[in-house]
C-alpha atoms as a PDB file:
ATOM      1  CA  UNK A   1     -50.450  36.743  11.513  1.00  0.00           C
ATOM      2  CA  UNK A   2     -51.104  34.625   8.412  1.00  0.00           C
ATOM      3  CA  UNK A   3     -47.901  35.934   6.747  1.00  0.00           C
ATOM      4  CA  UNK A   4     -45.892  35.019   9.831  1.00  0.00           C
ATOM      5  CA  UNK A   5     -47.252  31.465   9.730  1.00  0.00           C
ATOM      6  CA  UNK A   6     -46.559  31.160   5.988  1.00  0.00           C
ATOM      7  CA  UNK A   7     -43.018  32.488   6.456  1.00  0.00           C
ATOM      8  CA  UNK A   8     -42.331  30.096   9.300  1.00  0.00           C
ATOM      9  CA  UNK A   9     -43.725  27.141   7.326  1.00  0.00           C
ATOM     10  CA  UNK A  10     -41.657  28.090   4.274  1.00  0.00           C
ATOM     11  CA  UNK A  11     -38.476  28.259   6.362  1.00  0.00           C
ATOM     12  CA  UNK A  12     -39.211  24.839   7.893  1.00  0.00           C
ATOM     13  CA  UNK A  13     -39.804  23.299   4.446  1.00  0.00           C
ATOM     14  CA  UNK A  14     -36.592  24.800   3.036  1.00  0.00           C
ATOM     15  CA  UNK A  15     -34.432  23.606   5.929  1.00  0.00           C
ATOM     16  CA  UNK A  16     -36.015  20.129   5.914  1.00  0.00           C
ATOM     17  CA  UNK A  17     -35.544  19.905   2.131  1.00  0.00           C
ATOM     18  CA  UNK A  18     -31.847  20.768   2.513  1.00  0.00           C
ATOM     19  CA  UNK A  19     -31.378  18.001   5.095  1.00  0.00           C
ATOM     20  CA  UNK A  20     -33.211  15.479   2.875  1.00  0.00           C
ATOM     21  CA  UNK A  21     -31.055  16.498  -0.108  1.00  0.00           C
ATOM     22  CA  UNK A  22     -27.885  16.067   1.953  1.00  0.00           C
ATOM     23  CA  UNK A  23     -29.076  12.621   2.963  1.00  0.00           C
ATOM     24  CA  UNK A  24     -29.718  11.674  -0.672  1.00  0.00           C
ATOM     25  CA  UNK A  25     -26.266  12.944  -1.664  1.00  0.00           C
ATOM     26  CA  UNK A  26     -24.662  10.902   1.121  1.00  0.00           C
ATOM     27  CA  UNK A  27     -26.653   7.846   0.008  1.00  0.00           C
ATOM     28  CA  UNK A  28     -25.328   8.276  -3.540  1.00  0.00           C
ATOM     29  CA  UNK A  29     -21.791   8.351  -2.174  1.00  0.00           C
ATOM     30  CA  UNK A  30     -22.404   5.099  -0.292  1.00  0.00           C
ATOM     31  CA  UNK A  31     -23.819   3.467  -3.428  1.00  0.00           C
ATOM     32  CA  UNK A  32     -20.864   4.696  -5.519  1.00  0.00           C
ATOM     33  CA  UNK A  33     -18.494   3.104  -3.010  1.00  0.00           C
ATOM     34  CA  UNK A  34     -20.328  -0.216  -3.174  1.00  0.00           C
ATOM     35  CA  UNK A  35     -20.408  -0.085  -6.970  1.00  0.00           C
ATOM     36  CA  UNK A  36     -16.661   0.543  -7.113  1.00  0.00           C
ATOM     37  CA  UNK A  37     -16.078  -2.694  -5.196  1.00  0.00           C
ATOM     38  CA  UNK A  38     -18.290  -4.705  -7.548  1.00  0.00           C
ATOM     39  CA  UNK A  39     -16.647  -3.681 -10.816  1.00  0.00           C
ATOM     40  CA  UNK A  40     -16.288  -6.734 -13.051  1.00  0.00           C
ATOM     41  CA  UNK A  41     -13.045  -6.874 -14.997  1.00  0.00           C
ATOM     42  CA  UNK A  42     -13.542  -5.983 -18.648  1.00  0.00           C
ATOM     43  CA  UNK A  43     -11.697  -8.609 -20.694  1.00  0.00           C
ATOM     44  CA  UNK A  44     -12.518  -7.018 -24.046  1.00  0.00           C
ATOM     45  CA  UNK A  45      -9.459  -5.953 -26.050  1.00  0.00           C
ATOM     46  CA  UNK A  46      -9.966  -2.484 -27.541  1.00  0.00           C
ATOM     47  CA  UNK A  47      -8.109  -0.436 -30.133  1.00  0.00           C
ATOM     48  CA  UNK A  48      -6.340   2.419 -28.342  1.00  0.00           C
ATOM     49  CA  UNK A  49      -8.339   4.973 -30.343  1.00  0.00           C
ATOM     50  CA  UNK A  50     -11.571   3.643 -28.802  1.00  0.00           C
ATOM     51  CA  UNK A  51     -10.465   4.563 -25.281  1.00  0.00           C
ATOM     52  CA  UNK A  52      -8.171   7.564 -25.613  1.00  0.00           C
ATOM     53  CA  UNK A  53      -7.015  10.345 -27.884  1.00  0.00           C
ATOM     54  CA  UNK A  54      -3.716  12.259 -28.009  1.00  0.00           C
ATOM     55  CA  UNK A  55      -3.522  15.632 -26.257  1.00  0.00           C
ATOM     56  CA  UNK A  56      -6.782  14.837 -24.439  1.00  0.00           C
ATOM     57  CA  UNK A  57      -7.381  14.040 -20.776  1.00  0.00           C
ATOM     58  CA  UNK A  58      -7.766  10.312 -20.164  1.00  0.00           C
ATOM     59  CA  UNK A  59     -11.320   9.240 -19.330  1.00  0.00           C
ATOM     60  CA  UNK A  60     -11.277   7.525 -15.930  1.00  0.00           C
ATOM     61  CA  UNK A  61     -13.633   4.869 -17.344  1.00  0.00           C
ATOM     62  CA  UNK A  62     -10.830   3.705 -19.642  1.00  0.00           C
ATOM     63  CA  UNK A  63      -8.440   2.947 -16.781  1.00  0.00           C
ATOM     64  CA  UNK A  64      -7.836  -0.786 -16.343  1.00  0.00           C
ATOM     65  CA  UNK A  65      -9.099  -1.731 -19.794  1.00  0.00           C
ATOM     66  CA  UNK A  66      -7.006  -3.720 -22.260  1.00  0.00           C
ATOM     67  CA  UNK A  67      -5.794  -2.331 -25.570  1.00  0.00           C
ATOM     68  CA  UNK A  68      -3.982  -3.769 -28.556  1.00  0.00           C
ATOM     69  CA  UNK A  69      -1.882  -1.690 -30.933  1.00  0.00           C
ATOM     70  CA  UNK A  70       1.202  -1.642 -33.112  1.00  0.00           C
ATOM     71  CA  UNK A  71       3.934   0.962 -33.048  1.00  0.00           C
ATOM     72  CA  UNK A  72       7.626   1.729 -32.787  1.00  0.00           C
ATOM     73  CA  UNK A  73       9.585   2.557 -29.661  1.00  0.00           C
ATOM     74  CA  UNK A  74      11.475   5.791 -30.275  1.00  0.00           C
ATOM     75  CA  UNK A  75      12.771   6.689 -26.802  1.00  0.00           C
ATOM     76  CA  UNK A  76      13.393   4.810 -23.590  1.00  0.00           C
ATOM     77  CA  UNK A  77      13.503   6.145 -20.028  1.00  0.00           C
ATOM     78  CA  UNK A  78      14.344   4.957 -16.533  1.00  0.00           C
ATOM     79  CA  UNK A  79      11.609   5.498 -13.926  1.00  0.00           C
ATOM     80  CA  UNK A  80      13.379   5.105 -10.557  1.00  0.00           C
ATOM     81  CA  UNK A  81      11.997   4.072  -7.164  1.00  0.00           C
ATOM     82  CA  UNK A  82       8.696   2.649  -8.382  1.00  0.00           C
ATOM     83  CA  UNK A  83       6.536   0.308  -6.288  1.00  0.00           C
ATOM     84  CA  UNK A  84       4.581  -2.565  -7.802  1.00  0.00           C
ATOM     85  CA  UNK A  85       1.388  -4.142  -6.483  1.00  0.00           C
ATOM     86  CA  UNK A  86       3.432  -6.174  -3.977  1.00  0.00           C
ATOM     87  CA  UNK A  87       5.173  -2.980  -2.764  1.00  0.00           C
ATOM     88  CA  UNK A  88       8.465  -4.155  -4.235  1.00  0.00           C
ATOM     89  CA  UNK A  89      10.576  -1.133  -5.137  1.00  0.00           C
ATOM     90  CA  UNK A  90      12.654  -1.108  -8.308  1.00  0.00           C
ATOM     91  CA  UNK A  91      13.582   0.951 -11.346  1.00  0.00           C
ATOM     92  CA  UNK A  92      11.255   0.487 -14.328  1.00  0.00           C
ATOM     93  CA  UNK A  93      11.792   0.837 -18.056  1.00  0.00           C
ATOM     94  CA  UNK A  94       9.300   3.160 -19.704  1.00  0.00           C
ATOM     95  CA  UNK A  95       9.468   3.618 -23.471  1.00  0.00           C
ATOM     96  CA  UNK A  96       7.728   6.086 -25.761  1.00  0.00           C
ATOM     97  CA  UNK A  97       5.839   4.269 -28.502  1.00  0.00           C
ATOM     98  CA  UNK A  98       4.957   6.158 -31.661  1.00  0.00           C
ATOM     99  CA  UNK A  99       1.577   4.846 -32.772  1.00  0.00           C
ATOM    100  CA  UNK A 100       1.159   6.928 -35.944  1.00  0.00           C
ATOM    101  CA  UNK A 101       2.804   9.863 -37.719  1.00  0.00           C
ATOM    102  CA  UNK A 102       1.548  12.397 -35.207  1.00  0.00           C
ATOM    103  CA  UNK A 103       1.146  10.764 -31.796  1.00  0.00           C
ATOM    104  CA  UNK A 104       2.882   8.639 -29.176  1.00  0.00           C
ATOM    105  CA  UNK A 105       2.196   7.109 -25.770  1.00  0.00           C
ATOM    106  CA  UNK A 106       4.332   6.022 -22.808  1.00  0.00           C
ATOM    107  CA  UNK A 107       4.572   2.270 -22.232  1.00  0.00           C
ATOM    108  CA  UNK A 108       5.744   0.586 -19.036  1.00  0.00           C
ATOM    109  CA  UNK A 109       7.687  -2.334 -20.503  1.00  0.00           C
ATOM    110  CA  UNK A 110       9.212  -3.947 -17.425  1.00  0.00           C
ATOM    111  CA  UNK A 111      12.211  -3.779 -15.115  1.00  0.00           C
ATOM    112  CA  UNK A 112      15.066  -1.459 -16.019  1.00  0.00           C
ATOM    113  CA  UNK A 113      17.498  -4.295 -15.311  1.00  0.00           C
ATOM    114  CA  UNK A 114      15.960  -6.252 -18.212  1.00  0.00           C
ATOM    115  CA  UNK A 115      16.084  -3.402 -20.724  1.00  0.00           C
ATOM    116  CA  UNK A 116      18.710  -5.177 -22.841  1.00  0.00           C
ATOM    117  CA  UNK A 117      16.318  -8.033 -23.633  1.00  0.00           C
ATOM    118  CA  UNK A 118      16.174  -7.995 -27.448  1.00  0.00           C
ATOM    119  CA  UNK A 119      16.947  -4.237 -27.516  1.00  0.00           C
ATOM    120  CA  UNK A 120      17.772  -3.960 -31.213  1.00  0.00           C
ATOM    121  CA  UNK A 121      14.672  -5.841 -32.305  1.00  0.00           C
ATOM    122  CA  UNK A 122      12.370  -3.916 -30.026  1.00  0.00           C
ATOM    123  CA  UNK A 123      13.714  -0.460 -30.913  1.00  0.00           C
ATOM    124  CA  UNK A 124      14.129  -0.846 -34.665  1.00  0.00           C
ATOM    125  CA  UNK A 125      11.018  -2.707 -35.807  1.00  0.00           C
ATOM    126  CA  UNK A 126       7.284  -2.555 -35.337  1.00  0.00           C
ATOM    127  CA  UNK A 127       6.055  -3.966 -32.024  1.00  0.00           C
ATOM    128  CA  UNK A 128       2.670  -5.581 -31.451  1.00  0.00           C
ATOM    129  CA  UNK A 129       1.587  -4.573 -27.971  1.00  0.00           C
ATOM    130  CA  UNK A 130      -1.132  -5.765 -25.616  1.00  0.00           C
ATOM    131  CA  UNK A 131      -1.369  -3.552 -22.547  1.00  0.00           C
ATOM    132  CA  UNK A 132      -3.548  -2.172 -19.782  1.00  0.00           C
ATOM    133  CA  UNK A 133      -4.478   1.501 -19.622  1.00  0.00           C
ATOM    134  CA  UNK A 134      -3.187   3.331 -16.537  1.00  0.00           C
ATOM    135  CA  UNK A 135      -3.541   6.954 -15.374  1.00  0.00           C
ATOM    136  CA  UNK A 136      -0.527   9.256 -15.183  1.00  0.00           C
ATOM    137  CA  UNK A 137       1.363   9.570 -11.924  1.00  0.00           C
ATOM    138  CA  UNK A 138       1.136  12.830  -9.990  1.00  0.00           C
ATOM    139  CA  UNK A 139       3.957  12.549  -7.453  1.00  0.00           C
ATOM    140  CA  UNK A 140       7.626  12.831  -8.401  1.00  0.00           C
ATOM    141  CA  UNK A 141       9.929  10.005  -7.332  1.00  0.00           C
ATOM    142  CA  UNK A 142      13.141  11.818  -8.293  1.00  0.00           C
ATOM    143  CA  UNK A 143      14.239  14.953 -10.085  1.00  0.00           C
ATOM    144  CA  UNK A 144      13.947  14.932 -13.864  1.00  0.00           C
ATOM    145  CA  UNK A 145      17.183  14.289 -15.725  1.00  0.00           C
ATOM    146  CA  UNK A 146      18.161  13.230 -19.242  1.00  0.00           C
ATOM    147  CA  UNK A 147      16.772   9.732 -19.768  1.00  0.00           C
ATOM    148  CA  UNK A 148      15.084   9.739 -16.347  1.00  0.00           C
ATOM    149  CA  UNK A 149      11.395  10.255 -15.605  1.00  0.00           C
ATOM    150  CA  UNK A 150      10.571  11.958 -12.342  1.00  0.00           C
ATOM    151  CA  UNK A 151       7.135  10.297 -12.645  1.00  0.00           C
ATOM    152  CA  UNK A 152       5.314   8.350 -15.349  1.00  0.00           C
ATOM    153  CA  UNK A 153       3.536  11.241 -16.974  1.00  0.00           C
ATOM    154  CA  UNK A 154       3.753  12.374 -20.598  1.00  0.00           C
ATOM    155  CA  UNK A 155       3.761  16.023 -19.529  1.00  0.00           C
ATOM    156  CA  UNK A 156       7.341  15.688 -18.252  1.00  0.00           C
ATOM    157  CA  UNK A 157       8.636  14.833 -21.766  1.00  0.00           C
ATOM    158  CA  UNK A 158       6.383  17.082 -23.821  1.00  0.00           C
ATOM    159  CA  UNK A 159       9.356  19.232 -24.863  1.00  0.00           C
ATOM    160  CA  UNK A 160      11.447  16.276 -26.045  1.00  0.00           C
ATOM    161  CA  UNK A 161       9.352  15.197 -29.026  1.00  0.00           C
ATOM    162  CA  UNK A 162       7.402  16.922 -31.749  1.00  0.00           C
ATOM    163  CA  UNK A 163       4.397  14.630 -31.345  1.00  0.00           C
ATOM    164  CA  UNK A 164       1.000  14.768 -29.677  1.00  0.00           C
ATOM    165  CA  UNK A 165       1.216  12.687 -26.516  1.00  0.00           C
ATOM    166  CA  UNK A 166      -1.496  10.596 -24.896  1.00  0.00           C
ATOM    167  CA  UNK A 167      -2.461  11.232 -21.304  1.00  0.00           C
ATOM    168  CA  UNK A 168      -1.739   8.310 -18.959  1.00  0.00           C
ATOM    169  CA  UNK A 169       0.383   5.345 -19.990  1.00  0.00           C
ATOM    170  CA  UNK A 170       0.139   1.677 -20.966  1.00  0.00           C
ATOM    171  CA  UNK A 171       1.302  -1.253 -18.845  1.00  0.00           C
ATOM    172  CA  UNK A 172       2.639  -3.880 -21.246  1.00  0.00           C
ATOM    173  CA  UNK A 173       1.409  -7.437 -20.741  1.00  0.00           C
ATOM    174  CA  UNK A 174       2.675  -8.791 -24.064  1.00  0.00           C
ATOM    175  CA  UNK A 175       5.080  -7.593 -26.764  1.00  0.00           C
ATOM    176  CA  UNK A 176       5.912  -9.319 -30.002  1.00  0.00           C
ATOM    177  CA  UNK A 177       7.825  -8.577 -33.180  1.00  0.00           C
ATOM    178  CA  UNK A 178       8.201 -10.441 -36.472  1.00  0.00           C
ATOM    179  CA  UNK A 179      10.848 -12.675 -34.915  1.00  0.00           C
ATOM    180  CA  UNK A 180       8.556 -13.713 -32.074  1.00  0.00           C
ATOM    181  CA  UNK A 181       7.439 -12.819 -28.556  1.00  0.00           C
ATOM    182  CA  UNK A 182       9.662 -10.593 -26.415  1.00  0.00           C
ATOM    183  CA  UNK A 183      10.125 -12.555 -23.193  1.00  0.00           C
ATOM    184  CA  UNK A 184      10.654 -10.506 -20.057  1.00  0.00           C
ATOM    185  CA  UNK A 185       9.191  -9.959 -16.604  1.00  0.00           C
ATOM    186  CA  UNK A 186       6.026  -7.876 -16.564  1.00  0.00           C
ATOM    187  CA  UNK A 187       5.016  -5.413 -13.870  1.00  0.00           C
ATOM    188  CA  UNK A 188       1.695  -4.954 -12.117  1.00  0.00           C
ATOM    189  CA  UNK A 189       1.433  -1.423 -10.681  1.00  0.00           C
ATOM    190  CA  UNK A 190      -0.531  -0.839  -7.459  1.00  0.00           C
ATOM    191  CA  UNK A 191      -4.278  -1.165  -7.849  1.00  0.00           C
ATOM    192  CA  UNK A 192      -6.262   2.031  -7.986  1.00  0.00           C
ATOM    193  CA  UNK A 193      -8.232   2.823  -4.849  1.00  0.00           C
ATOM    194  CA  UNK A 194     -11.814   4.004  -4.903  1.00  0.00           C
ATOM    195  CA  UNK A 195     -12.054   7.781  -5.352  1.00  0.00           C
ATOM    196  CA  UNK A 196     -14.996   7.917  -2.990  1.00  0.00           C
ATOM    197  CA  UNK A 197     -13.706   9.056   0.393  1.00  0.00           C
ATOM    198  CA  UNK A 198     -14.753   7.424   3.670  1.00  0.00           C
ATOM    199  CA  UNK A 199     -16.404   4.084   4.410  1.00  0.00           C
ATOM    200  CA  UNK A 200     -19.760   2.637   3.365  1.00  0.00           C
ATOM    201  CA  UNK A 201     -21.323   2.520   6.829  1.00  0.00           C
ATOM    202  CA  UNK A 202     -19.928   5.950   7.612  1.00  0.00           C
ATOM    203  CA  UNK A 203     -21.904   7.341   4.673  1.00  0.00           C
ATOM    204  CA  UNK A 204     -25.026   5.433   5.753  1.00  0.00           C
ATOM    205  CA  UNK A 205     -24.747   6.857   9.285  1.00  0.00           C
ATOM    206  CA  UNK A 206     -24.643  10.361   7.836  1.00  0.00           C
ATOM    207  CA  UNK A 207     -27.745   9.573   5.766  1.00  0.00           C
ATOM    208  CA  UNK A 208     -29.598   8.669   8.975  1.00  0.00           C
ATOM    209  CA  UNK A 209     -28.340  11.803  10.730  1.00  0.00           C
ATOM    210  CA  UNK A 210     -29.381  14.145   7.908  1.00  0.00           C
ATOM    211  CA  UNK A 211     -32.838  12.617   7.620  1.00  0.00           C
ATOM    212  CA  UNK A 212     -33.260  12.626  11.399  1.00  0.00           C
ATOM    213  CA  UNK A 213     -32.433  16.325  11.369  1.00  0.00           C
ATOM    214  CA  UNK A 214     -35.087  16.865   8.685  1.00  0.00           C
ATOM    215  CA  UNK A 215     -37.664  15.050  10.824  1.00  0.00           C
ATOM    216  CA  UNK A 216     -36.732  17.130  13.893  1.00  0.00           C
ATOM    217  CA  UNK A 217     -37.112  20.383  11.943  1.00  0.00           C
ATOM    218  CA  UNK A 218     -40.612  19.361  10.837  1.00  0.00           C
ATOM    219  CA  UNK A 219     -41.797  17.934  14.177  1.00  0.00           C
ATOM    220  CA  UNK A 220     -40.253  20.476  16.563  1.00  0.00           C
ATOM    221  CA  UNK A 221     -42.729  23.361  15.905  1.00  0.00           C
ATOM    222  CA  UNK A 222     -45.702  21.059  16.571  1.00  0.00           C
ATOM    223  CA  UNK A 223     -44.034  19.749  19.743  1.00  0.00           C
ATOM    224  CA  UNK A 224     -43.440  23.282  21.016  1.00  0.00           C
ATOM    225  CA  UNK A 225     -47.020  24.251  20.250  1.00  0.00           C
ATOM    226  CA  UNK A 226     -48.313  21.240  22.200  1.00  0.00           C
ATOM    227  CA  UNK A 227     -46.025  22.077  25.131  1.00  0.00           C
ATOM    228  CA  UNK A 228     -47.321  25.628  25.189  1.00  0.00           C
ATOM    229  CA  UNK A 229     -50.954  24.455  25.095  1.00  0.00           C
ATOM    230  CA  UNK A 230     -50.316  22.018  27.984  1.00  0.00           C
ATOM    231  CA  UNK A 231     -48.883  24.768  30.163  1.00  0.00           C
ATOM    232  CA  UNK A 232     -51.862  27.104  29.649  1.00  0.00           C
END
């Protein structure tokens, strides 16, 4: 009899603990969602090497941060059918910037229609770049072709250069050379959405449900026992 009681109590504790743990997990998701909405823009300007490394997956914490570097553009590509933050569709110019002897990174420079703005200066001399870190794209806009990027992702050009490529890309906000600033329209890609699925109050409602289930599991045996005693 005593072993039956112990076994029943152990089962109740395990099930209740699972429901409490699920509630805590759901609460963490709700808090993560709230935290994502309260992120304060980091205005610090970092060296690229502080936030990323070639041939290494980009840390999500680096996305949206500002970097400053100097390099040379060695290739230029057209990225068709891209949408900016205002959902305006256009073709973009994306160039590959070599940052040292062994590595390079893709840079979103601006509109493809403005690619001839100081082309010789930009492609033949060192460029001082201030840019925002962005993650690679995952969905193809078009088929890959010579000089055309199906998506802004260094993996699609890995066979075209003998260099280690950075994951993600940079969104240029300012370019300058010895002769001065390169004046052209700059692009703001769509803002990244929170990776936490669902809505805040949806997560909170699940927290209440899980913890209510835990309470029911604990209380129900005592309720049944009282019902049985009342009927005797």
